[in-house]
Amino acid sequence: MPVEQLRSQQRHQRILDAATHVFSTKGYHGTLVDEIAAEAETSKGGVYFHFPNKQAIFLALLDRLADILRERVDSAVAQQAEPLARAEAALHVASRRSAVTAVWRACSWSKRWGPGLNSTRA
């Protein structure tokens, strides 16, 4: 992988990590893209190179959360041979406090958005 592409991917991840921190402390409406940029140690233009707006950053975080939860469920299910045990393993992972807390936080952030979230997501 070329060095520039690697740096771009690393910046993308830094922005998401920074956004997680800023959104969790200030909420969606209280967060400015400038604050995400500062936390990620990049420019505002660097943020907009990767994401067209604050909503796109937030949606990327929800996608990241869904991916993490899916990976945990898949891993737990793969360790079981019987169908019922596989279902129980999936439910156990999804019901664990950390997963529930993460989803709750994501939902509480989205409530701060007001109307229009679902209409912009394909």
PDB file of N, CA and C in Angstrom:
ATOM      1  N   MET A   1       0.841  -1.174   0.000  1.00  0.00           N
ATOM      2  CA  MET A   1       0.000   0.000   0.000  1.00  0.00           C
ATOM      3  C   MET A   1       0.893   1.246   0.000  1.00  0.00           C
ATOM      4  N   PRO A   2       0.607   2.189  -0.883  1.00  0.00           N
ATOM      5  CA  PRO A   2       1.409   3.416  -0.918  1.00  0.00           C
ATOM      6  C   PRO A   2       1.320   4.186   0.402  1.00  0.00           C
ATOM      7  N   VAL A   3       2.386   4.901   0.728  1.00  0.00           N
ATOM      8  CA  VAL A   3       2.481   5.636   1.984  1.00  0.00           C
ATOM      9  C   VAL A   3       1.354   6.663   2.103  1.00  0.00           C
ATOM     10  N   GLU A   4       1.043   7.363   1.025  1.00  0.00           N
ATOM     11  CA  GLU A   4      -0.017   8.382   1.069  1.00  0.00           C
ATOM     12  C   GLU A   4      -1.375   7.762   1.387  1.00  0.00           C
ATOM     13  N   GLN A   5      -1.641   6.597   0.819  1.00  0.00           N
ATOM     14  CA  GLN A   5      -2.908   5.927   1.079  1.00  0.00           C
ATOM     15  C   GLN A   5      -2.978   5.469   2.541  1.00  0.00           C
ATOM     16  N   LEU A   6      -1.883   4.982   3.065  1.00  0.00           N
ATOM     17  CA  LEU A   6      -1.826   4.564   4.456  1.00  0.00           C
ATOM     18  C   LEU A   6      -2.071   5.752   5.383  1.00  0.00           C
ATOM     19  N   ARG A   7      -1.434   6.886   5.094  1.00  0.00           N
ATOM     20  CA  ARG A   7      -1.641   8.086   5.909  1.00  0.00           C
ATOM     21  C   ARG A   7      -3.080   8.560   5.854  1.00  0.00           C
ATOM     22  N   SER A   8      -3.690   8.460   4.693  1.00  0.00           N
ATOM     23  CA  SER A   8      -5.085   8.866   4.540  1.00  0.00           C
ATOM     24  C   SER A   8      -6.000   7.974   5.385  1.00  0.00           C
ATOM     25  N   GLN A   9      -5.757   6.674   5.368  1.00  0.00           N
ATOM     26  CA  GLN A   9      -6.555   5.747   6.177  1.00  0.00           C
ATOM     27  C   GLN A   9      -6.361   6.009   7.670  1.00  0.00           C
ATOM     28  N   GLN A  10      -5.122   6.298   8.047  1.00  0.00           N
ATOM     29  CA  GLN A  10      -4.846   6.587   9.447  1.00  0.00           C
ATOM     30  C   GLN A  10      -5.554   7.872   9.888  1.00  0.00           C
ATOM     31  N   ARG A  11      -5.549   8.895   9.029  1.00  0.00           N
ATOM     32  CA  ARG A  11      -6.237  10.136   9.354  1.00  0.00           C
ATOM     33  C   ARG A  11      -7.741   9.897   9.477  1.00  0.00           C
ATOM     34  N   HIS A  12      -8.288   9.101   8.567  1.00  0.00           N
ATOM     35  CA  HIS A  12      -9.714   8.761   8.603  1.00  0.00           C
ATOM     36  C   HIS A  12     -10.063   8.138   9.957  1.00  0.00           C
ATOM     37  N   GLN A  13      -9.252   7.192  10.420  1.00  0.00           N
ATOM     38  CA  GLN A  13      -9.492   6.533  11.705  1.00  0.00           C
ATOM     39  C   GLN A  13      -9.314   7.508  12.863  1.00  0.00           C
ATOM     40  N   ARG A  14      -8.318   8.389  12.788  1.00  0.00           N
ATOM     41  CA  ARG A  14      -8.117   9.393  13.838  1.00  0.00           C
ATOM     42  C   ARG A  14      -9.327  10.314  13.947  1.00  0.00           C
ATOM     43  N   ILE A  15      -9.888  10.685  12.810  1.00  0.00           N
ATOM     44  CA  ILE A  15     -11.074  11.544  12.807  1.00  0.00           C
ATOM     45  C   ILE A  15     -12.238  10.828  13.481  1.00  0.00           C
ATOM     46  N   LEU A  16     -12.445   9.568  13.154  1.00  0.00           N
ATOM     47  CA  LEU A  16     -13.538   8.821  13.789  1.00  0.00           C
ATOM     48  C   LEU A  16     -13.303   8.644  15.286  1.00  0.00           C
ATOM     49  N   ASP A  17     -12.072   8.372  15.668  1.00  0.00           N
ATOM     50  CA  ASP A  17     -11.761   8.245  17.095  1.00  0.00           C
ATOM     51  C   ASP A  17     -12.019   9.564  17.821  1.00  0.00           C
ATOM     52  N   ALA A  18     -11.590  10.653  17.205  1.00  0.00           N
ATOM     53  CA  ALA A  18     -11.802  11.974  17.795  1.00  0.00           C
ATOM     54  C   ALA A  18     -13.285  12.307  17.869  1.00  0.00           C
ATOM     55  N   ALA A  19     -14.016  11.989  16.824  1.00  0.00           N
ATOM     56  CA  ALA A  19     -15.456  12.259  16.804  1.00  0.00           C
ATOM     57  C   ALA A  19     -16.171  11.475  17.889  1.00  0.00           C
ATOM     58  N   THR A  20     -15.758  10.245  18.116  1.00  0.00           N
ATOM     59  CA  THR A  20     -16.351   9.447  19.191  1.00  0.00           C
ATOM     60  C   THR A  20     -16.204  10.170  20.518  1.00  0.00           C
ATOM     61  N   HIS A  21     -15.024  10.671  20.780  1.00  0.00           N
ATOM     62  CA  HIS A  21     -14.770  11.369  22.036  1.00  0.00           C
ATOM     63  C   HIS A  21     -15.578  12.664  22.123  1.00  0.00           C
ATOM     64  N   VAL A  22     -15.551  13.467  21.090  1.00  0.00           N
ATOM     65  CA  VAL A  22     -16.232  14.767  21.139  1.00  0.00           C
ATOM     66  C   VAL A  22     -17.750  14.596  21.196  1.00  0.00           C
ATOM     67  N   PHE A  23     -18.306  13.711  20.358  1.00  0.00           N
ATOM     68  CA  PHE A  23     -19.751  13.475  20.393  1.00  0.00           C
ATOM     69  C   PHE A  23     -20.188  12.959  21.766  1.00  0.00           C
ATOM     70  N   SER A  24     -19.384  12.082  22.362  1.00  0.00           N
ATOM     71  CA  SER A  24     -19.789  11.495  23.642  1.00  0.00           C
ATOM     72  C   SER A  24     -19.745  12.512  24.774  1.00  0.00           C
ATOM     73  N   THR A  25     -18.942  13.543  24.645  1.00  0.00           N
ATOM     74  CA  THR A  25     -18.881  14.553  25.698  1.00  0.00           C
ATOM     75  C   THR A  25     -19.791  15.746  25.429  1.00  0.00           C
ATOM     76  N   LYS A  26     -20.006  16.093  24.167  1.00  0.00           N
ATOM     77  CA  LYS A  26     -20.774  17.300  23.847  1.00  0.00           C
ATOM     78  C   LYS A  26     -22.105  17.038  23.168  1.00  0.00           C
ATOM     79  N   GLY A  27     -22.347  15.794  22.769  1.00  0.00           N
ATOM     80  CA  GLY A  27     -23.563  15.501  22.023  1.00  0.00           C
ATOM     81  C   GLY A  27     -23.423  15.940  20.576  1.00  0.00           C
ATOM     82  N   TYR A  28     -24.388  15.546  19.777  1.00  0.00           N
ATOM     83  CA  TYR A  28     -24.312  15.856  18.344  1.00  0.00           C
ATOM     84  C   TYR A  28     -24.382  17.356  18.083  1.00  0.00           C
ATOM     85  N   HIS A  29     -25.427  18.004  18.586  1.00  0.00           N
ATOM     86  CA  HIS A  29     -25.606  19.429  18.303  1.00  0.00           C
ATOM     87  C   HIS A  29     -24.532  20.296  18.952  1.00  0.00           C
ATOM     88  N   GLY A  30     -23.986  19.845  20.075  1.00  0.00           N
ATOM     89  CA  GLY A  30     -22.957  20.618  20.752  1.00  0.00           C
ATOM     90  C   GLY A  30     -21.577  20.487  20.148  1.00  0.00           C
ATOM     91  N   THR A  31     -21.438  19.593  19.193  1.00  0.00           N
ATOM     92  CA  THR A  31     -20.135  19.325  18.578  1.00  0.00           C
ATOM     93  C   THR A  31     -19.947  20.147  17.318  1.00  0.00           C
ATOM     94  N   LEU A  32     -18.777  20.742  17.191  1.00  0.00           N
ATOM     95  CA  LEU A  32     -18.385  21.453  15.972  1.00  0.00           C
ATOM     96  C   LEU A  32     -17.343  20.624  15.232  1.00  0.00           C
ATOM     97  N   VAL A  33     -17.367  20.697  13.927  1.00  0.00           N
ATOM     98  CA  VAL A  33     -16.364  19.989  13.124  1.00  0.00           C
ATOM     99  C   VAL A  33     -14.968  20.489  13.493  1.00  0.00           C
ATOM    100  N   ASP A  34     -14.843  21.766  13.844  1.00  0.00           N
ATOM    101  CA  ASP A  34     -13.556  22.315  14.291  1.00  0.00           C
ATOM    102  C   ASP A  34     -13.021  21.555  15.505  1.00  0.00           C
ATOM    103  N   GLU A  35     -13.919  21.173  16.413  1.00  0.00           N
ATOM    104  CA  GLU A  35     -13.504  20.447  17.610  1.00  0.00           C
ATOM    105  C   GLU A  35     -13.046  19.029  17.265  1.00  0.00           C
ATOM    106  N   ILE A  36     -13.729  18.410  16.334  1.00  0.00           N
ATOM    107  CA  ILE A  36     -13.313  17.080  15.881  1.00  0.00           C
ATOM    108  C   ILE A  36     -11.936  17.175  15.227  1.00  0.00           C
ATOM    109  N   ALA A  37     -11.745  18.182  14.399  1.00  0.00           N
ATOM    110  CA  ALA A  37     -10.450  18.374  13.728  1.00  0.00           C
ATOM    111  C   ALA A  37      -9.339  18.579  14.750  1.00  0.00           C
ATOM    112  N   ALA A  38      -9.589  19.418  15.748  1.00  0.00           N
ATOM    113  CA  ALA A  38      -8.568  19.679  16.765  1.00  0.00           C
ATOM    114  C   ALA A  38      -8.231  18.407  17.541  1.00  0.00           C
ATOM    115  N   GLU A  39      -9.262  17.655  17.919  1.00  0.00           N
ATOM    116  CA  GLU A  39      -9.050  16.402  18.659  1.00  0.00           C
ATOM    117  C   GLU A  39      -8.281  15.387  17.804  1.00  0.00           C
ATOM    118  N   ALA A  40      -8.534  15.389  16.491  1.00  0.00           N
ATOM    119  CA  ALA A  40      -7.855  14.458  15.576  1.00  0.00           C
ATOM    120  C   ALA A  40      -6.488  14.961  15.144  1.00  0.00           C
ATOM    121  N   GLU A  41      -6.140  16.158  15.568  1.00  0.00           N
ATOM    122  CA  GLU A  41      -4.862  16.786  15.191  1.00  0.00           C
ATOM    123  C   GLU A  41      -4.720  16.887  13.678  1.00  0.00           C
ATOM    124  N   THR A  42      -5.797  17.379  13.058  1.00  0.00           N
ATOM    125  CA  THR A  42      -5.792  17.633  11.619  1.00  0.00           C
ATOM    126  C   THR A  42      -6.526  18.947  11.376  1.00  0.00           C
ATOM    127  N   SER A  43      -6.559  19.367  10.147  1.00  0.00           N
ATOM    128  CA  SER A  43      -7.259  20.604   9.812  1.00  0.00           C
ATOM    129  C   SER A  43      -8.736  20.327   9.559  1.00  0.00           C
ATOM    130  N   LYS A  44      -9.532  21.380   9.584  1.00  0.00           N
ATOM    131  CA  LYS A  44     -10.952  21.242   9.252  1.00  0.00           C
ATOM    132  C   LYS A  44     -11.082  20.747   7.807  1.00  0.00           C
ATOM    133  N   GLY A  45     -10.233  21.237   6.929  1.00  0.00           N
ATOM    134  CA  GLY A  45     -10.219  20.770   5.543  1.00  0.00           C
ATOM    135  C   GLY A  45      -9.893  19.291   5.443  1.00  0.00           C
ATOM    136  N   GLY A  46      -9.005  18.828   6.338  1.00  0.00           N
ATOM    137  CA  GLY A  46      -8.681  17.402   6.375  1.00  0.00           C
ATOM    138  C   GLY A  46      -9.884  16.558   6.747  1.00  0.00           C
ATOM    139  N   VAL A  47     -10.701  17.081   7.659  1.00  0.00           N
ATOM    140  CA  VAL A  47     -11.931  16.371   8.033  1.00  0.00           C
ATOM    141  C   VAL A  47     -12.870  16.325   6.835  1.00  0.00           C
ATOM    142  N   TYR A  48     -13.052  17.486   6.183  1.00  0.00           N
ATOM    143  CA  TYR A  48     -13.981  17.544   5.051  1.00  0.00           C
ATOM    144  C   TYR A  48     -13.481  16.775   3.828  1.00  0.00           C
ATOM    145  N   PHE A  49     -12.189  16.502   3.762  1.00  0.00           N
ATOM    146  CA  PHE A  49     -11.668  15.648   2.696  1.00  0.00           C
ATOM    147  C   PHE A  49     -12.228  14.233   2.838  1.00  0.00           C
ATOM    148  N   HIS A  50     -12.399  13.791   4.092  1.00  0.00           N
ATOM    149  CA  HIS A  50     -12.871  12.434   4.366  1.00  0.00           C
ATOM    150  C   HIS A  50     -14.381  12.332   4.539  1.00  0.00           C
ATOM    151  N   PHE A  51     -15.010  13.404   5.003  1.00  0.00           N
ATOM    152  CA  PHE A  51     -16.450  13.402   5.295  1.00  0.00           C
ATOM    153  C   PHE A  51     -17.065  14.711   4.813  1.00  0.00           C
ATOM    154  N   PRO A  52     -18.194  14.645   4.106  1.00  0.00           N
ATOM    155  CA  PRO A  52     -18.777  15.874   3.570  1.00  0.00           C
ATOM    156  C   PRO A  52     -19.400  16.774   4.637  1.00  0.00           C
ATOM    157  N   ASN A  53     -19.775  16.203   5.792  1.00  0.00           N
ATOM    158  CA  ASN A  53     -20.406  17.011   6.836  1.00  0.00           C
ATOM    159  C   ASN A  53     -20.392  16.239   8.155  1.00  0.00           C
ATOM    160  N   LYS A  54     -20.863  16.897   9.201  1.00  0.00           N
ATOM    161  CA  LYS A  54     -20.880  16.290  10.530  1.00  0.00           C
ATOM    162  C   LYS A  54     -21.787  15.065  10.573  1.00  0.00           C
ATOM    163  N   GLN A  55     -22.888  15.111   9.880  1.00  0.00           N
ATOM    164  CA  GLN A  55     -23.806  13.977   9.863  1.00  0.00           C
ATOM    165  C   GLN A  55     -23.131  12.735   9.283  1.00  0.00           C
ATOM    166  N   ALA A  56     -22.339  12.901   8.242  1.00  0.00           N
ATOM    167  CA  ALA A  56     -21.633  11.765   7.640  1.00  0.00           C
ATOM    168  C   ALA A  56     -20.641  11.155   8.633  1.00  0.00           C
ATOM    169  N   ILE A  57     -20.012  11.991   9.442  1.00  0.00           N
ATOM    170  CA  ILE A  57     -19.101  11.479  10.474  1.00  0.00           C
ATOM    171  C   ILE A  57     -19.884  10.633  11.469  1.00  0.00           C
ATOM    172  N   PHE A  58     -21.006  11.164  11.916  1.00  0.00           N
ATOM    173  CA  PHE A  58     -21.828  10.445  12.887  1.00  0.00           C
ATOM    174  C   PHE A  58     -22.324   9.122  12.328  1.00  0.00           C
ATOM    175  N   LEU A  59     -22.788   9.130  11.093  1.00  0.00           N
ATOM    176  CA  LEU A  59     -23.268   7.899  10.476  1.00  0.00           C
ATOM    177  C   LEU A  59     -22.145   6.882  10.317  1.00  0.00           C
ATOM    178  N   ALA A  60     -20.935   7.359  10.036  1.00  0.00           N
ATOM    179  CA  ALA A  60     -19.782   6.454   9.956  1.00  0.00           C
ATOM    180  C   ALA A  60     -19.505   5.822  11.322  1.00  0.00           C
ATOM    181  N   LEU A  61     -19.716   6.586  12.386  1.00  0.00           N
ATOM    182  CA  LEU A  61     -19.542   6.028  13.728  1.00  0.00           C
ATOM    183  C   LEU A  61     -20.589   4.957  14.019  1.00  0.00           C
ATOM    184  N   LEU A  62     -21.809   5.180  13.591  1.00  0.00           N
ATOM    185  CA  LEU A  62     -22.843   4.156  13.774  1.00  0.00           C
ATOM    186  C   LEU A  62     -22.497   2.903  12.979  1.00  0.00           C
ATOM    187  N   ASP A  63     -21.980   3.089  11.769  1.00  0.00           N
ATOM    188  CA  ASP A  63     -21.544   1.933  10.973  1.00  0.00           C
ATOM    189  C   ASP A  63     -20.417   1.186  11.681  1.00  0.00           C
ATOM    190  N   ARG A  64     -19.479   1.933  12.243  1.00  0.00           N
ATOM    191  CA  ARG A  64     -18.368   1.326  12.968  1.00  0.00           C
ATOM    192  C   ARG A  64     -18.899   0.521  14.152  1.00  0.00           C
ATOM    193  N   LEU A  65     -19.841   1.082  14.895  1.00  0.00           N
ATOM    194  CA  LEU A  65     -20.437   0.393  16.026  1.00  0.00           C
ATOM    195  C   LEU A  65     -21.123  -0.893  15.581  1.00  0.00           C
ATOM    196  N   ALA A  66     -21.875  -0.816  14.498  1.00  0.00           N
ATOM    197  CA  ALA A  66     -22.561  -2.005  13.982  1.00  0.00           C
ATOM    198  C   ALA A  66     -21.552  -3.073  13.566  1.00  0.00           C
ATOM    199  N   ASP A  67     -20.451  -2.662  12.953  1.00  0.00           N
ATOM    200  CA  ASP A  67     -19.416  -3.622  12.542  1.00  0.00           C
ATOM    201  C   ASP A  67     -18.795  -4.315  13.750  1.00  0.00           C
ATOM    202  N   ILE A  68     -18.520  -3.549  14.797  1.00  0.00           N
ATOM    203  CA  ILE A  68     -17.923  -4.126  16.009  1.00  0.00           C
ATOM    204  C   ILE A  68     -18.879  -5.136  16.630  1.00  0.00           C
ATOM    205  N   LEU A  69     -20.136  -4.762  16.730  1.00  0.00           N
ATOM    206  CA  LEU A  69     -21.125  -5.670  17.308  1.00  0.00           C
ATOM    207  C   LEU A  69     -21.286  -6.924  16.455  1.00  0.00           C
ATOM    208  N   ARG A  70     -21.319  -6.751  15.134  1.00  0.00           N
ATOM    209  CA  ARG A  70     -21.447  -7.894  14.223  1.00  0.00           C
ATOM    210  C   ARG A  70     -20.245  -8.829  14.365  1.00  0.00           C
ATOM    211  N   GLU A  71     -19.038  -8.286  14.462  1.00  0.00           N
ATOM    212  CA  GLU A  71     -17.843  -9.118  14.621  1.00  0.00           C
ATOM    213  C   GLU A  71     -17.901  -9.913  15.917  1.00  0.00           C
ATOM    214  N   ARG A  72     -18.357  -9.276  16.990  1.00  0.00           N
ATOM    215  CA  ARG A  72     -18.455  -9.970  18.278  1.00  0.00           C
ATOM    216  C   ARG A  72     -19.485 -11.090  18.222  1.00  0.00           C
ATOM    217  N   VAL A  73     -20.619 -10.814  17.592  1.00  0.00           N
ATOM    218  CA  VAL A  73     -21.657 -11.841  17.460  1.00  0.00           C
ATOM    219  C   VAL A  73     -21.142 -12.987  16.597  1.00  0.00           C
ATOM    220  N   ASP A  74     -20.544 -12.672  15.456  1.00  0.00           N
ATOM    221  CA  ASP A  74     -20.012 -13.717  14.570  1.00  0.00           C
ATOM    222  C   ASP A  74     -18.985 -14.597  15.281  1.00  0.00           C
ATOM    223  N   SER A  75     -18.121 -13.985  16.060  1.00  0.00           N
ATOM    224  CA  SER A  75     -17.103 -14.738  16.784  1.00  0.00           C
ATOM    225  C   SER A  75     -17.734 -15.675  17.810  1.00  0.00           C
ATOM    226  N   ALA A  76     -18.717 -15.167  18.546  1.00  0.00           N
ATOM    227  CA  ALA A  76     -19.384 -15.993  19.554  1.00  0.00           C
ATOM    228  C   ALA A  76     -20.153 -17.141  18.905  1.00  0.00           C
ATOM    229  N   VAL A  77     -20.814 -16.865  17.808  1.00  0.00           N
ATOM    230  CA  VAL A  77     -21.612 -17.887  17.114  1.00  0.00           C
ATOM    231  C   VAL A  77     -20.699 -18.963  16.528  1.00  0.00           C
ATOM    232  N   ALA A  78     -19.555 -18.575  16.006  1.00  0.00           N
ATOM    233  CA  ALA A  78     -18.635 -19.525  15.383  1.00  0.00           C
ATOM    234  C   ALA A  78     -18.090 -20.549  16.374  1.00  0.00           C
ATOM    235  N   GLN A  79     -18.119 -20.226  17.647  1.00  0.00           N
ATOM    236  CA  GLN A  79     -17.604 -21.135  18.657  1.00  0.00           C
ATOM    237  C   GLN A  79     -18.616 -22.196  19.077  1.00  0.00           C
ATOM    238  N   GLN A  80     -19.831 -22.110  18.557  1.00  0.00           N
ATOM    239  CA  GLN A  80     -20.893 -23.050  18.937  1.00  0.00           C
ATOM    240  C   GLN A  80     -21.268 -23.918  17.746  1.00  0.00           C
ATOM    241  N   ALA A  81     -21.564 -25.177  18.027  1.00  0.00           N
ATOM    242  CA  ALA A  81     -21.928 -26.111  16.960  1.00  0.00           C
ATOM    243  C   ALA A  81     -23.439 -26.262  16.811  1.00  0.00           C
ATOM    244  N   GLU A  82     -24.160 -26.229  17.902  1.00  0.00           N
ATOM    245  CA  GLU A  82     -25.605 -26.465  17.888  1.00  0.00           C
ATOM    246  C   GLU A  82     -26.363 -25.171  17.594  1.00  0.00           C
ATOM    247  N   PRO A  83     -27.417 -25.245  16.802  1.00  0.00           N
ATOM    248  CA  PRO A  83     -28.183 -24.036  16.452  1.00  0.00           C
ATOM    249  C   PRO A  83     -28.687 -23.244  17.659  1.00  0.00           C
ATOM    250  N   LEU A  84     -29.224 -23.927  18.658  1.00  0.00           N
ATOM    251  CA  LEU A  84     -29.732 -23.222  19.838  1.00  0.00           C
ATOM    252  C   LEU A  84     -28.600 -22.526  20.592  1.00  0.00           C
ATOM    253  N   ALA A  85     -27.483 -23.192  20.714  1.00  0.00           N
ATOM    254  CA  ALA A  85     -26.319 -22.600  21.385  1.00  0.00           C
ATOM    255  C   ALA A  85     -25.801 -21.397  20.602  1.00  0.00           C
ATOM    256  N   ARG A  86     -25.858 -21.475  19.279  1.00  0.00           N
ATOM    257  CA  ARG A  86     -25.429 -20.348  18.438  1.00  0.00           C
ATOM    258  C   ARG A  86     -26.334 -19.141  18.670  1.00  0.00           C
ATOM    259  N   ALA A  87     -27.643 -19.386  18.739  1.00  0.00           N
ATOM    260  CA  ALA A  87     -28.595 -18.296  18.986  1.00  0.00           C
ATOM    261  C   ALA A  87     -28.380 -17.697  20.368  1.00  0.00           C
ATOM    262  N   GLU A  88     -28.182 -18.535  21.359  1.00  0.00           N
ATOM    263  CA  GLU A  88     -27.940 -18.047  22.716  1.00  0.00           C
ATOM    264  C   GLU A  88     -26.652 -17.228  22.788  1.00  0.00           C
ATOM    265  N   ALA A  89     -25.622 -17.660  22.090  1.00  0.00           N
ATOM    266  CA  ALA A  89     -24.355 -16.927  22.083  1.00  0.00           C
ATOM    267  C   ALA A  89     -24.547 -15.541  21.460  1.00  0.00           C
ATOM    268  N   ALA A  90     -25.292 -15.485  20.359  1.00  0.00           N
ATOM    269  CA  ALA A  90     -25.547 -14.194  19.704  1.00  0.00           C
ATOM    270  C   ALA A  90     -26.327 -13.271  20.629  1.00  0.00           C
ATOM    271  N   LEU A  91     -27.346 -13.796  21.274  1.00  0.00           N
ATOM    272  CA  LEU A  91     -28.150 -12.979  22.193  1.00  0.00           C
ATOM    273  C   LEU A  91     -27.332 -12.525  23.388  1.00  0.00           C
ATOM    274  N   HIS A  92     -26.465 -13.389  23.877  1.00  0.00           N
ATOM    275  CA  HIS A  92     -25.613 -13.022  25.013  1.00  0.00           C
ATOM    276  C   HIS A  92     -24.711 -11.841  24.652  1.00  0.00           C
ATOM    277  N   VAL A  93     -24.082 -11.901  23.506  1.00  0.00           N
ATOM    278  CA  VAL A  93     -23.199 -10.807  23.083  1.00  0.00           C
ATOM    279  C   VAL A  93     -23.992  -9.520  22.909  1.00  0.00           C
ATOM    280  N   ALA A  94     -25.131  -9.621  22.240  1.00  0.00           N
ATOM    281  CA  ALA A  94     -25.926  -8.422  21.964  1.00  0.00           C
ATOM    282  C   ALA A  94     -26.526  -7.820  23.227  1.00  0.00           C
ATOM    283  N   SER A  95     -26.717  -8.637  24.265  1.00  0.00           N
ATOM    284  CA  SER A  95     -27.348  -8.126  25.485  1.00  0.00           C
ATOM    285  C   SER A  95     -26.345  -7.691  26.539  1.00  0.00           C
ATOM    286  N   ARG A  96     -25.069  -7.903  26.280  1.00  0.00           N
ATOM    287  CA  ARG A  96     -24.060  -7.489  27.253  1.00  0.00           C
ATOM    288  C   ARG A  96     -24.104  -5.989  27.450  1.00  0.00           C
ATOM    289  N   ARG A  97     -23.799  -5.570  28.632  1.00  0.00           N
ATOM    290  CA  ARG A  97     -23.892  -4.158  28.999  1.00  0.00           C
ATOM    291  C   ARG A  97     -23.129  -3.259  28.049  1.00  0.00           C
ATOM    292  N   SER A  98     -21.934  -3.640  27.635  1.00  0.00           N
ATOM    293  CA  SER A  98     -21.127  -2.775  26.779  1.00  0.00           C
ATOM    294  C   SER A  98     -21.821  -2.545  25.431  1.00  0.00           C
ATOM    295  N   ALA A  99     -22.401  -3.584  24.875  1.00  0.00           N
ATOM    296  CA  ALA A  99     -23.091  -3.444  23.596  1.00  0.00           C
ATOM    297  C   ALA A  99     -24.345  -2.607  23.749  1.00  0.00           C
ATOM    298  N   VAL A 100     -25.099  -2.879  24.807  1.00  0.00           N
ATOM    299  CA  VAL A 100     -26.327  -2.125  25.041  1.00  0.00           C
ATOM    300  C   VAL A 100     -26.004  -0.661  25.313  1.00  0.00           C
ATOM    301  N   THR A 101     -24.984  -0.406  26.105  1.00  0.00           N
ATOM    302  CA  THR A 101     -24.598   0.973  26.408  1.00  0.00           C
ATOM    303  C   THR A 101     -24.185   1.714  25.151  1.00  0.00           C
ATOM    304  N   ALA A 102     -23.406   1.076  24.295  1.00  0.00           N
ATOM    305  CA  ALA A 102     -22.961   1.725  23.069  1.00  0.00           C
ATOM    306  C   ALA A 102     -24.141   2.060  22.160  1.00  0.00           C
ATOM    307  N   VAL A 103     -25.070   1.127  22.032  1.00  0.00           N
ATOM    308  CA  VAL A 103     -26.238   1.384  21.196  1.00  0.00           C
ATOM    309  C   VAL A 103     -27.094   2.478  21.820  1.00  0.00           C
ATOM    310  N   TRP A 104     -27.261   2.454  23.134  1.00  0.00           N
ATOM    311  CA  TRP A 104     -28.053   3.474  23.811  1.00  0.00           C
ATOM    312  C   TRP A 104     -27.459   4.854  23.585  1.00  0.00           C
ATOM    313  N   ARG A 105     -26.147   4.950  23.723  1.00  0.00           N
ATOM    314  CA  ARG A 105     -25.498   6.247  23.492  1.00  0.00           C
ATOM    315  C   ARG A 105     -25.710   6.714  22.060  1.00  0.00           C
ATOM    316  N   ALA A 106     -25.573   5.796  21.123  1.00  0.00           N
ATOM    317  CA  ALA A 106     -25.786   6.170  19.724  1.00  0.00           C
ATOM    318  C   ALA A 106     -27.211   6.652  19.508  1.00  0.00           C
ATOM    319  N   CYS A 107     -28.167   5.959  20.111  1.00  0.00           N
ATOM    320  CA  CYS A 107     -29.566   6.368  19.965  1.00  0.00           C
ATOM    321  C   CYS A 107     -29.820   7.698  20.642  1.00  0.00           C
ATOM    322  N   SER A 108     -29.220   7.930  21.797  1.00  0.00           N
ATOM    323  CA  SER A 108     -29.453   9.202  22.483  1.00  0.00           C
ATOM    324  C   SER A 108     -28.818  10.336  21.697  1.00  0.00           C
ATOM    325  N   TRP A 109     -27.697  10.105  21.015  1.00  0.00           N
ATOM    326  CA  TRP A 109     -27.118  11.137  20.153  1.00  0.00           C
ATOM    327  C   TRP A 109     -28.068  11.443  19.015  1.00  0.00           C
ATOM    328  N   SER A 110     -28.631  10.393  18.423  1.00  0.00           N
ATOM    329  CA  SER A 110     -29.480  10.618  17.267  1.00  0.00           C
ATOM    330  C   SER A 110     -30.753  11.359  17.662  1.00  0.00           C
ATOM    331  N   LYS A 111     -31.239  11.187  18.891  1.00  0.00           N
ATOM    332  CA  LYS A 111     -32.417  11.926  19.336  1.00  0.00           C
ATOM    333  C   LYS A 111     -32.136  13.422  19.374  1.00  0.00           C
ATOM    334  N   ARG A 112     -30.891  13.793  19.585  1.00  0.00           N
ATOM    335  CA  ARG A 112     -30.524  15.201  19.634  1.00  0.00           C
ATOM    336  C   ARG A 112     -30.521  15.841  18.250  1.00  0.00           C
ATOM    337  N   TRP A 113     -30.565  15.024  17.203  1.00  0.00           N
ATOM    338  CA  TRP A 113     -30.523  15.547  15.837  1.00  0.00           C
ATOM    339  C   TRP A 113     -31.810  16.217  15.452  1.00  0.00           C
ATOM    340  N   GLY A 114     -32.907  15.699  15.960  1.00  0.00           N
ATOM    341  CA  GLY A 114     -34.207  16.177  15.502  1.00  0.00           C
ATOM    342  C   GLY A 114     -34.611  15.425  14.261  1.00  0.00           C
ATOM    343  N   PRO A 115     -35.678  15.882  13.577  1.00  0.00           N
ATOM    344  CA  PRO A 115     -36.178  15.161  12.411  1.00  0.00           C
ATOM    345  C   PRO A 115     -35.192  15.192  11.249  1.00  0.00           C
ATOM    346  N   GLY A 116     -35.304  14.222  10.380  1.00  0.00           N
ATOM    347  CA  GLY A 116     -34.513  14.251   9.150  1.00  0.00           C
ATOM    348  C   GLY A 116     -33.428  13.227   9.052  1.00  0.00           C
ATOM    349  N   LEU A 117     -33.061  12.577  10.156  1.00  0.00           N
ATOM    350  CA  LEU A 117     -31.977  11.591  10.102  1.00  0.00           C
ATOM    351  C   LEU A 117     -32.298  10.471   9.143  1.00  0.00           C
ATOM    352  N   ASN A 118     -33.453   9.863   9.298  1.00  0.00           N
ATOM    353  CA  ASN A 118     -33.794   8.721   8.473  1.00  0.00           C
ATOM    354  C   ASN A 118     -34.007   9.100   7.022  1.00  0.00           C
ATOM    355  N   SER A 119     -34.428  10.308   6.758  1.00  0.00           N
ATOM    356  CA  SER A 119     -34.694  10.716   5.383  1.00  0.00           C
ATOM    357  C   SER A 119     -33.415  10.912   4.589  1.00  0.00           C
ATOM    358  N   THR A 120     -32.270  11.063   5.261  1.00  0.00           N
ATOM    359  CA  THR A 120     -31.018  11.286   4.542  1.00  0.00           C
ATOM    360  C   THR A 120     -30.161  10.041   4.447  1.00  0.00           C
ATOM    361  N   ARG A 121     -30.560   8.978   5.104  1.00  0.00           N
ATOM    362  CA  ARG A 121     -29.761   7.749   5.089  1.00  0.00           C
ATOM    363  C   ARG A 121     -30.370   6.742   4.123  1.00  0.00           C
ATOM    364  N   ALA A 122     -29.599   6.303   3.170  1.00  0.00           N
ATOM    365  CA  ALA A 122     -30.093   5.320   2.196  1.00  0.00           C
ATOM    366  C   ALA A 122     -30.024   3.934   2.747  1.00  0.00           C
TER     367      ALA A 122
END
